[in-house]
Amino acid sequence: MKQRKLKPLNDRIRPDVALTDGDHELIAAANAVLEGYYKPFWHMVAAAIRSRDGRIWTGLHIGTTVGRLSVCAEAVAFGRALLDGDGTIQTAVAVRHPKPEEENRELAVVPPCGACREMILDHAPDASIIVKDANVLIKLPIRTLLPLPYRR
């Protein structure tokens, strides 16, 4: 069977908005958290959320020995936005620390996991997510990343 080569995401889906200075500020906020709190296995991902009122909320991945009990950085950031802010998500981004065996030692923007995609869509269906595609950062609607969400 011949394997089909997929085109990069930005060839299949047009980004709704190019990255702004505010988006780069969001990435920098997530990077700063991870640079300050990275601990192998325990804190490997950081996230930043800009709420509709313009404030930035950050979160840190909380690893656990029992993996399914780990908490994603996006959920921590959103919890902070709910408790101390307006509880909205306009734009979100996550960054991860490179694994020990990876040559590239730079922090990298990563897409949210499936559970975080569901969480963001449930609470902010109009949110945008910053992702990396073919070495270019783009911003896409959360609905693009989760076209068939779980619904009752």
N, C-alpha and C. Protein backbone atom coordinates (compact mmCIF):
# COMPACT_ATOMS: atom_id res chain seq x y z
N MET A 1 0.84 -1.17 0.00
CA MET A 1 0.00 0.00 0.00
C MET A 1 0.89 1.24 0.00
N LYS A 2 0.61 2.15 -0.91
CA LYS A 2 1.40 3.37 -1.02
C LYS A 2 1.00 4.35 0.08
N GLN A 3 1.99 4.88 0.78
CA GLN A 3 1.72 5.84 1.86
C GLN A 3 1.54 7.22 1.26
N ARG A 4 0.45 7.88 1.67
CA ARG A 4 0.13 9.21 1.17
C ARG A 4 0.84 10.26 2.01
N LYS A 5 1.52 11.17 1.35
CA LYS A 5 2.22 12.24 2.06
C LYS A 5 1.24 13.40 2.29
N LEU A 6 1.10 13.80 3.56
CA LEU A 6 0.21 14.90 3.89
C LEU A 6 0.89 16.23 3.65
N LYS A 7 0.12 17.18 3.18
CA LYS A 7 0.61 18.55 3.02
C LYS A 7 0.70 19.19 4.40
N PRO A 8 1.57 20.19 4.55
CA PRO A 8 1.58 20.92 5.83
C PRO A 8 0.21 21.52 6.11
N LEU A 9 -0.08 21.71 7.38
CA LEU A 9 -1.39 22.23 7.80
C LEU A 9 -1.72 23.53 7.11
N ASN A 10 -0.75 24.45 6.98
CA ASN A 10 -1.07 25.75 6.40
C ASN A 10 -1.36 25.67 4.91
N ASP A 11 -1.09 24.54 4.26
CA ASP A 11 -1.50 24.34 2.88
C ASP A 11 -2.93 23.82 2.79
N ARG A 12 -3.43 23.26 3.88
CA ARG A 12 -4.78 22.70 3.90
C ARG A 12 -5.80 23.64 4.54
N ILE A 13 -5.34 24.44 5.50
CA ILE A 13 -6.25 25.30 6.26
C ILE A 13 -5.65 26.69 6.32
N ARG A 14 -6.41 27.66 5.92
CA ARG A 14 -5.92 29.04 5.97
C ARG A 14 -6.05 29.58 7.38
N PRO A 15 -4.97 30.07 7.97
CA PRO A 15 -5.07 30.64 9.32
C PRO A 15 -6.04 31.81 9.34
N ASP A 16 -6.81 31.94 10.41
CA ASP A 16 -7.79 33.02 10.47
C ASP A 16 -7.12 34.36 10.75
N VAL A 17 -6.00 34.34 11.48
CA VAL A 17 -5.32 35.58 11.84
C VAL A 17 -3.82 35.31 11.91
N ALA A 18 -3.04 36.20 11.34
CA ALA A 18 -1.59 36.09 11.49
C ALA A 18 -1.21 36.48 12.91
N LEU A 19 -0.06 36.04 13.36
CA LEU A 19 0.38 36.36 14.72
C LEU A 19 0.64 37.86 14.86
N THR A 20 0.23 38.37 16.00
CA THR A 20 0.40 39.78 16.32
C THR A 20 1.50 39.92 17.37
N ASP A 21 1.84 41.17 17.70
CA ASP A 21 2.78 41.40 18.79
C ASP A 21 2.24 40.81 20.08
N GLY A 22 0.92 40.91 20.29
CA GLY A 22 0.30 40.34 21.48
C GLY A 22 0.44 38.82 21.54
N ASP A 23 0.39 38.18 20.38
CA ASP A 23 0.57 36.72 20.34
C ASP A 23 2.01 36.35 20.72
N HIS A 24 2.96 37.13 20.24
CA HIS A 24 4.36 36.88 20.59
C HIS A 24 4.58 37.14 22.09
N GLU A 25 3.87 38.12 22.64
CA GLU A 25 3.92 38.37 24.08
C GLU A 25 3.39 37.16 24.86
N LEU A 26 2.35 36.53 24.34
CA LEU A 26 1.77 35.35 24.97
C LEU A 26 2.77 34.19 24.96
N ILE A 27 3.43 33.99 23.83
CA ILE A 27 4.45 32.94 23.72
C ILE A 27 5.59 33.22 24.71
N ALA A 28 6.00 34.48 24.80
CA ALA A 28 7.08 34.86 25.72
C ALA A 28 6.67 34.59 27.17
N ALA A 29 5.40 34.82 27.50
CA ALA A 29 4.93 34.56 28.88
C ALA A 29 5.00 33.07 29.20
N ALA A 30 4.60 32.23 28.26
CA ALA A 30 4.67 30.78 28.46
C ALA A 30 6.13 30.33 28.57
N ASN A 31 6.98 30.88 27.70
CA ASN A 31 8.41 30.54 27.76
C ASN A 31 9.01 30.92 29.11
N ALA A 32 8.66 32.09 29.62
CA ALA A 32 9.22 32.56 30.90
C ALA A 32 8.83 31.62 32.04
N VAL A 33 7.59 31.14 32.03
CA VAL A 33 7.16 30.21 33.07
C VAL A 33 7.97 28.92 32.99
N LEU A 34 8.10 28.39 31.78
CA LEU A 34 8.82 27.12 31.64
C LEU A 34 10.31 27.28 31.96
N GLU A 35 10.89 28.39 31.56
CA GLU A 35 12.30 28.63 31.88
C GLU A 35 12.50 28.74 33.39
N GLY A 36 11.52 29.27 34.09
CA GLY A 36 11.65 29.45 35.53
C GLY A 36 11.30 28.23 36.36
N TYR A 37 10.46 27.35 35.82
CA TYR A 37 9.95 26.25 36.65
C TYR A 37 10.17 24.87 36.07
N TYR A 38 10.83 24.76 34.92
CA TYR A 38 11.04 23.45 34.31
C TYR A 38 11.71 22.49 35.29
N LYS A 39 11.15 21.30 35.36
CA LYS A 39 11.73 20.22 36.15
C LYS A 39 11.42 18.94 35.39
N PRO A 40 12.44 18.20 34.95
CA PRO A 40 12.18 17.01 34.14
C PRO A 40 11.09 16.13 34.74
N PHE A 41 10.20 15.68 33.88
CA PHE A 41 9.05 14.84 34.21
C PHE A 41 7.94 15.61 34.93
N TRP A 42 8.26 16.43 35.88
CA TRP A 42 7.25 17.09 36.71
C TRP A 42 6.63 18.32 36.05
N HIS A 43 7.46 19.15 35.42
CA HIS A 43 6.97 20.39 34.80
C HIS A 43 7.64 20.57 33.45
N MET A 44 7.04 20.01 32.41
CA MET A 44 7.67 20.01 31.08
C MET A 44 6.97 20.91 30.07
N VAL A 45 5.77 21.37 30.40
CA VAL A 45 4.99 22.21 29.48
C VAL A 45 4.46 23.40 30.26
N ALA A 46 4.44 24.55 29.61
CA ALA A 46 3.81 25.75 30.18
C ALA A 46 2.83 26.28 29.15
N ALA A 47 1.82 26.99 29.62
CA ALA A 47 0.82 27.56 28.73
C ALA A 47 0.54 29.00 29.14
N ALA A 48 0.06 29.76 28.19
CA ALA A 48 -0.39 31.12 28.47
C ALA A 48 -1.70 31.34 27.72
N ILE A 49 -2.62 31.99 28.41
CA ILE A 49 -3.94 32.29 27.86
C ILE A 49 -4.14 33.80 27.96
N ARG A 50 -4.58 34.39 26.87
CA ARG A 50 -5.00 35.80 26.93
C ARG A 50 -6.53 35.78 27.01
N SER A 51 -7.04 36.42 28.04
CA SER A 51 -8.50 36.49 28.18
C SER A 51 -9.02 37.66 27.35
N ARG A 52 -10.31 37.72 27.19
CA ARG A 52 -10.91 38.77 26.35
C ARG A 52 -10.65 40.17 26.90
N ASP A 53 -10.38 40.27 28.20
CA ASP A 53 -10.07 41.58 28.78
C ASP A 53 -8.60 41.96 28.59
N GLY A 54 -7.83 41.10 27.91
CA GLY A 54 -6.45 41.41 27.59
C GLY A 54 -5.41 40.89 28.57
N ARG A 55 -5.85 40.39 29.72
CA ARG A 55 -4.89 39.89 30.70
C ARG A 55 -4.36 38.52 30.28
N ILE A 56 -3.15 38.22 30.74
CA ILE A 56 -2.50 36.95 30.43
C ILE A 56 -2.47 36.10 31.69
N TRP A 57 -2.86 34.84 31.52
CA TRP A 57 -2.86 33.85 32.61
C TRP A 57 -1.93 32.72 32.19
N THR A 58 -1.04 32.33 33.08
CA THR A 58 -0.10 31.26 32.76
C THR A 58 -0.38 30.03 33.60
N GLY A 59 0.09 28.91 33.10
CA GLY A 59 -0.05 27.65 33.82
C GLY A 59 1.13 26.76 33.54
N LEU A 60 1.33 25.78 34.40
CA LEU A 60 2.44 24.86 34.31
C LEU A 60 1.92 23.43 34.40
N HIS A 61 2.43 22.57 33.54
CA HIS A 61 2.09 21.15 33.58
C HIS A 61 2.49 20.59 34.94
N ILE A 62 1.61 19.80 35.53
CA ILE A 62 1.90 19.17 36.82
C ILE A 62 1.95 17.66 36.58
N GLY A 63 3.15 17.14 36.49
CA GLY A 63 3.33 15.71 36.26
C GLY A 63 3.10 14.91 37.53
N THR A 64 2.72 13.66 37.36
CA THR A 64 2.52 12.76 38.50
C THR A 64 3.06 11.38 38.15
N THR A 65 3.34 10.60 39.16
CA THR A 65 3.81 9.24 38.92
C THR A 65 2.74 8.43 38.19
N VAL A 66 1.49 8.61 38.58
CA VAL A 66 0.36 7.99 37.87
C VAL A 66 -0.05 8.97 36.78
N GLY A 67 0.38 8.69 35.55
CA GLY A 67 0.22 9.62 34.43
C GLY A 67 -1.15 10.20 34.22
N ARG A 68 -2.20 9.43 34.41
CA ARG A 68 -3.54 9.95 34.14
C ARG A 68 -3.98 10.99 35.16
N LEU A 69 -3.21 11.14 36.23
CA LEU A 69 -3.52 12.16 37.23
C LEU A 69 -2.79 13.48 36.95
N SER A 70 -1.93 13.49 35.94
CA SER A 70 -1.23 14.72 35.58
C SER A 70 -2.24 15.78 35.14
N VAL A 71 -1.85 17.03 35.31
CA VAL A 71 -2.72 18.15 34.93
C VAL A 71 -1.98 18.96 33.87
N CYS A 72 -2.67 19.25 32.77
CA CYS A 72 -2.07 20.01 31.68
C CYS A 72 -1.92 21.48 32.04
N ALA A 73 -0.92 22.11 31.45
CA ALA A 73 -0.64 23.52 31.69
C ALA A 73 -1.81 24.40 31.26
N GLU A 74 -2.49 24.05 30.17
CA GLU A 74 -3.62 24.84 29.71
C GLU A 74 -4.75 24.85 30.74
N ALA A 75 -4.98 23.71 31.39
CA ALA A 75 -6.03 23.63 32.41
C ALA A 75 -5.68 24.48 33.62
N VAL A 76 -4.40 24.49 34.00
CA VAL A 76 -3.97 25.32 35.13
C VAL A 76 -4.15 26.80 34.79
N ALA A 77 -3.75 27.20 33.59
CA ALA A 77 -3.89 28.60 33.17
C ALA A 77 -5.36 28.99 33.12
N PHE A 78 -6.20 28.12 32.59
CA PHE A 78 -7.63 28.44 32.50
C PHE A 78 -8.25 28.51 33.89
N GLY A 79 -7.85 27.64 34.79
CA GLY A 79 -8.33 27.71 36.17
C GLY A 79 -8.00 29.04 36.82
N ARG A 80 -6.81 29.52 36.57
CA ARG A 80 -6.42 30.83 37.12
C ARG A 80 -7.28 31.94 36.52
N ALA A 81 -7.55 31.85 35.21
CA ALA A 81 -8.39 32.86 34.55
C ALA A 81 -9.81 32.83 35.10
N LEU A 82 -10.29 31.64 35.43
CA LEU A 82 -11.63 31.52 36.01
C LEU A 82 -11.69 32.11 37.41
N LEU A 83 -10.69 31.80 38.22
CA LEU A 83 -10.70 32.23 39.62
C LEU A 83 -10.37 33.71 39.81
N ASP A 84 -9.43 34.22 39.03
CA ASP A 84 -8.94 35.57 39.26
C ASP A 84 -9.22 36.55 38.14
N GLY A 85 -9.81 36.08 37.05
CA GLY A 85 -10.05 36.95 35.90
C GLY A 85 -11.48 36.88 35.42
N ASP A 86 -11.64 37.10 34.14
CA ASP A 86 -13.00 37.09 33.58
C ASP A 86 -13.41 35.71 33.06
N GLY A 87 -12.52 34.73 33.17
CA GLY A 87 -12.86 33.35 32.82
C GLY A 87 -13.04 33.11 31.33
N THR A 88 -12.39 33.94 30.51
CA THR A 88 -12.52 33.77 29.06
C THR A 88 -11.16 33.39 28.47
N ILE A 89 -11.22 32.86 27.25
CA ILE A 89 -10.00 32.56 26.50
C ILE A 89 -10.16 33.17 25.11
N GLN A 90 -9.30 34.14 24.82
CA GLN A 90 -9.28 34.69 23.47
C GLN A 90 -8.25 33.92 22.63
N THR A 91 -7.06 33.77 23.20
CA THR A 91 -5.97 33.07 22.51
C THR A 91 -5.20 32.25 23.53
N ALA A 92 -4.72 31.08 23.12
CA ALA A 92 -3.94 30.22 24.01
C ALA A 92 -2.74 29.67 23.26
N VAL A 93 -1.69 29.38 24.03
CA VAL A 93 -0.50 28.76 23.47
C VAL A 93 0.13 27.87 24.54
N ALA A 94 0.77 26.80 24.10
CA ALA A 94 1.53 25.92 25.00
C ALA A 94 2.93 25.77 24.43
N VAL A 95 3.90 25.67 25.33
CA VAL A 95 5.29 25.43 24.92
C VAL A 95 5.83 24.26 25.73
N ARG A 96 6.73 23.51 25.13
CA ARG A 96 7.32 22.37 25.84
C ARG A 96 8.82 22.47 25.83
N HIS A 97 9.40 21.88 26.86
CA HIS A 97 10.85 21.79 26.97
C HIS A 97 11.31 20.61 26.11
N PRO A 98 12.47 20.72 25.46
CA PRO A 98 12.95 19.57 24.68
C PRO A 98 13.27 18.38 25.57
N LYS A 99 13.10 17.21 25.00
CA LYS A 99 13.44 15.98 25.71
C LYS A 99 14.97 15.85 25.75
N PRO A 100 15.51 15.13 26.74
CA PRO A 100 16.97 15.03 26.88
C PRO A 100 17.68 14.55 25.61
N GLU A 101 17.05 13.67 24.84
CA GLU A 101 17.70 13.11 23.66
C GLU A 101 17.59 14.00 22.42
N GLU A 102 16.82 15.07 22.49
CA GLU A 102 16.66 15.95 21.33
C GLU A 102 17.84 16.91 21.20
N GLU A 103 18.33 17.06 19.97
CA GLU A 103 19.45 17.96 19.72
C GLU A 103 19.06 19.42 19.87
N ASN A 104 17.90 19.78 19.34
CA ASN A 104 17.43 21.16 19.44
C ASN A 104 17.01 21.42 20.89
N ARG A 105 17.68 22.33 21.54
CA ARG A 105 17.43 22.60 22.97
C ARG A 105 16.51 23.80 23.19
N GLU A 106 15.84 24.28 22.15
CA GLU A 106 14.95 25.43 22.30
C GLU A 106 13.56 24.99 22.74
N LEU A 107 12.89 25.85 23.48
CA LEU A 107 11.49 25.60 23.83
C LEU A 107 10.68 25.66 22.54
N ALA A 108 9.64 24.84 22.45
CA ALA A 108 8.87 24.77 21.21
C ALA A 108 7.38 24.92 21.47
N VAL A 109 6.71 25.65 20.60
CA VAL A 109 5.25 25.75 20.66
C VAL A 109 4.69 24.39 20.25
N VAL A 110 3.72 23.90 21.02
CA VAL A 110 3.08 22.62 20.72
C VAL A 110 1.56 22.80 20.75
N PRO A 111 0.83 21.99 20.00
CA PRO A 111 -0.62 22.08 20.04
C PRO A 111 -1.17 21.49 21.33
N PRO A 112 -2.35 21.90 21.74
CA PRO A 112 -2.95 21.31 22.94
C PRO A 112 -3.31 19.85 22.70
N CYS A 113 -3.29 19.06 23.77
CA CYS A 113 -3.70 17.66 23.66
C CYS A 113 -5.21 17.61 23.38
N GLY A 114 -5.71 16.44 23.11
CA GLY A 114 -7.13 16.29 22.81
C GLY A 114 -8.04 16.74 23.94
N ALA A 115 -7.67 16.40 25.19
CA ALA A 115 -8.49 16.79 26.33
C ALA A 115 -8.53 18.32 26.47
N CYS A 116 -7.40 18.97 26.25
CA CYS A 116 -7.37 20.44 26.35
C CYS A 116 -8.14 21.08 25.20
N ARG A 117 -8.09 20.45 24.03
CA ARG A 117 -8.89 20.96 22.91
C ARG A 117 -10.37 20.93 23.28
N GLU A 118 -10.81 19.82 23.87
CA GLU A 118 -12.21 19.71 24.31
C GLU A 118 -12.53 20.76 25.37
N MET A 119 -11.65 20.93 26.35
CA MET A 119 -11.87 21.90 27.42
C MET A 119 -12.00 23.32 26.85
N ILE A 120 -11.07 23.68 25.98
CA ILE A 120 -11.10 25.03 25.41
C ILE A 120 -12.36 25.22 24.57
N LEU A 121 -12.70 24.25 23.75
CA LEU A 121 -13.90 24.37 22.93
C LEU A 121 -15.16 24.48 23.78
N ASP A 122 -15.23 23.71 24.88
CA ASP A 122 -16.38 23.77 25.77
C ASP A 122 -16.56 25.16 26.38
N HIS A 123 -15.46 25.78 26.78
CA HIS A 123 -15.54 27.04 27.52
C HIS A 123 -15.30 28.28 26.66
N ALA A 124 -14.69 28.11 25.51
CA ALA A 124 -14.36 29.25 24.65
C ALA A 124 -14.40 28.84 23.18
N PRO A 125 -15.58 28.57 22.64
CA PRO A 125 -15.68 28.06 21.28
C PRO A 125 -15.14 28.99 20.19
N ASP A 126 -14.91 30.25 20.53
CA ASP A 126 -14.36 31.19 19.55
C ASP A 126 -12.87 31.47 19.78
N ALA A 127 -12.25 30.71 20.67
CA ALA A 127 -10.83 30.93 20.98
C ALA A 127 -9.94 30.57 19.80
N SER A 128 -8.78 31.20 19.78
CA SER A 128 -7.74 30.89 18.80
C SER A 128 -6.57 30.22 19.52
N ILE A 129 -5.89 29.34 18.80
CA ILE A 129 -4.77 28.60 19.36
C ILE A 129 -3.54 28.83 18.48
N ILE A 130 -2.43 29.13 19.11
CA ILE A 130 -1.17 29.31 18.37
C ILE A 130 -0.51 27.94 18.27
N VAL A 131 -0.18 27.54 17.04
CA VAL A 131 0.47 26.25 16.78
C VAL A 131 1.62 26.46 15.80
N LYS A 132 2.46 25.46 15.71
CA LYS A 132 3.57 25.51 14.76
C LYS A 132 3.24 24.58 13.60
N ASP A 133 3.44 25.09 12.39
CA ASP A 133 3.22 24.28 11.20
C ASP A 133 4.34 24.56 10.22
N ALA A 134 5.06 23.52 9.85
CA ALA A 134 6.16 23.66 8.89
C ALA A 134 7.11 24.79 9.29
N ASN A 135 7.46 24.82 10.56
CA ASN A 135 8.38 25.81 11.13
C ASN A 135 7.87 27.24 11.08
N VAL A 136 6.56 27.40 10.95
CA VAL A 136 5.94 28.72 10.97
C VAL A 136 4.87 28.71 12.06
N LEU A 137 4.85 29.74 12.89
CA LEU A 137 3.80 29.84 13.89
C LEU A 137 2.58 30.47 13.26
N ILE A 138 1.42 29.84 13.49
CA ILE A 138 0.16 30.34 12.96
C ILE A 138 -0.88 30.30 14.07
N LYS A 139 -1.98 31.00 13.87
CA LYS A 139 -3.06 31.01 14.85
C LYS A 139 -4.31 30.51 14.16
N LEU A 140 -4.92 29.49 14.77
CA LEU A 140 -6.10 28.85 14.19
C LEU A 140 -7.26 28.85 15.19
N PRO A 141 -8.48 28.83 14.69
CA PRO A 141 -9.63 28.68 15.60
C PRO A 141 -9.59 27.29 16.24
N ILE A 142 -9.98 27.21 17.50
CA ILE A 142 -10.00 25.92 18.20
C ILE A 142 -10.85 24.90 17.43
N ARG A 143 -11.89 25.35 16.79
CA ARG A 143 -12.76 24.42 16.02
C ARG A 143 -11.98 23.73 14.90
N THR A 144 -10.94 24.38 14.38
CA THR A 144 -10.11 23.78 13.34
C THR A 144 -9.33 22.60 13.90
N LEU A 145 -8.88 22.73 15.15
CA LEU A 145 -8.09 21.67 15.78
C LEU A 145 -8.96 20.54 16.32
N LEU A 146 -10.24 20.79 16.45
CA LEU A 146 -11.16 19.78 16.97
C LEU A 146 -12.46 19.85 16.17
N PRO A 147 -12.41 19.35 14.93
CA PRO A 147 -13.58 19.48 14.06
C PRO A 147 -14.78 18.63 14.48
N LEU A 148 -14.55 17.55 15.19
CA LEU A 148 -15.64 16.67 15.62
C LEU A 148 -15.58 16.49 17.14
N PRO A 149 -15.99 17.51 17.89
CA PRO A 149 -15.87 17.42 19.36
C PRO A 149 -16.84 16.41 19.94
N TYR A 150 -16.49 15.94 21.13
CA TYR A 150 -17.38 15.05 21.87
C TYR A 150 -18.57 15.86 22.35
N ARG A 151 -19.73 15.37 22.11
CA ARG A 151 -20.95 16.03 22.58
C ARG A 151 -21.92 14.95 23.05
N ARG A 152 -22.75 15.29 24.05
CA ARG A 152 -23.75 14.32 24.52
C ARG A 152 -24.81 14.10 23.50
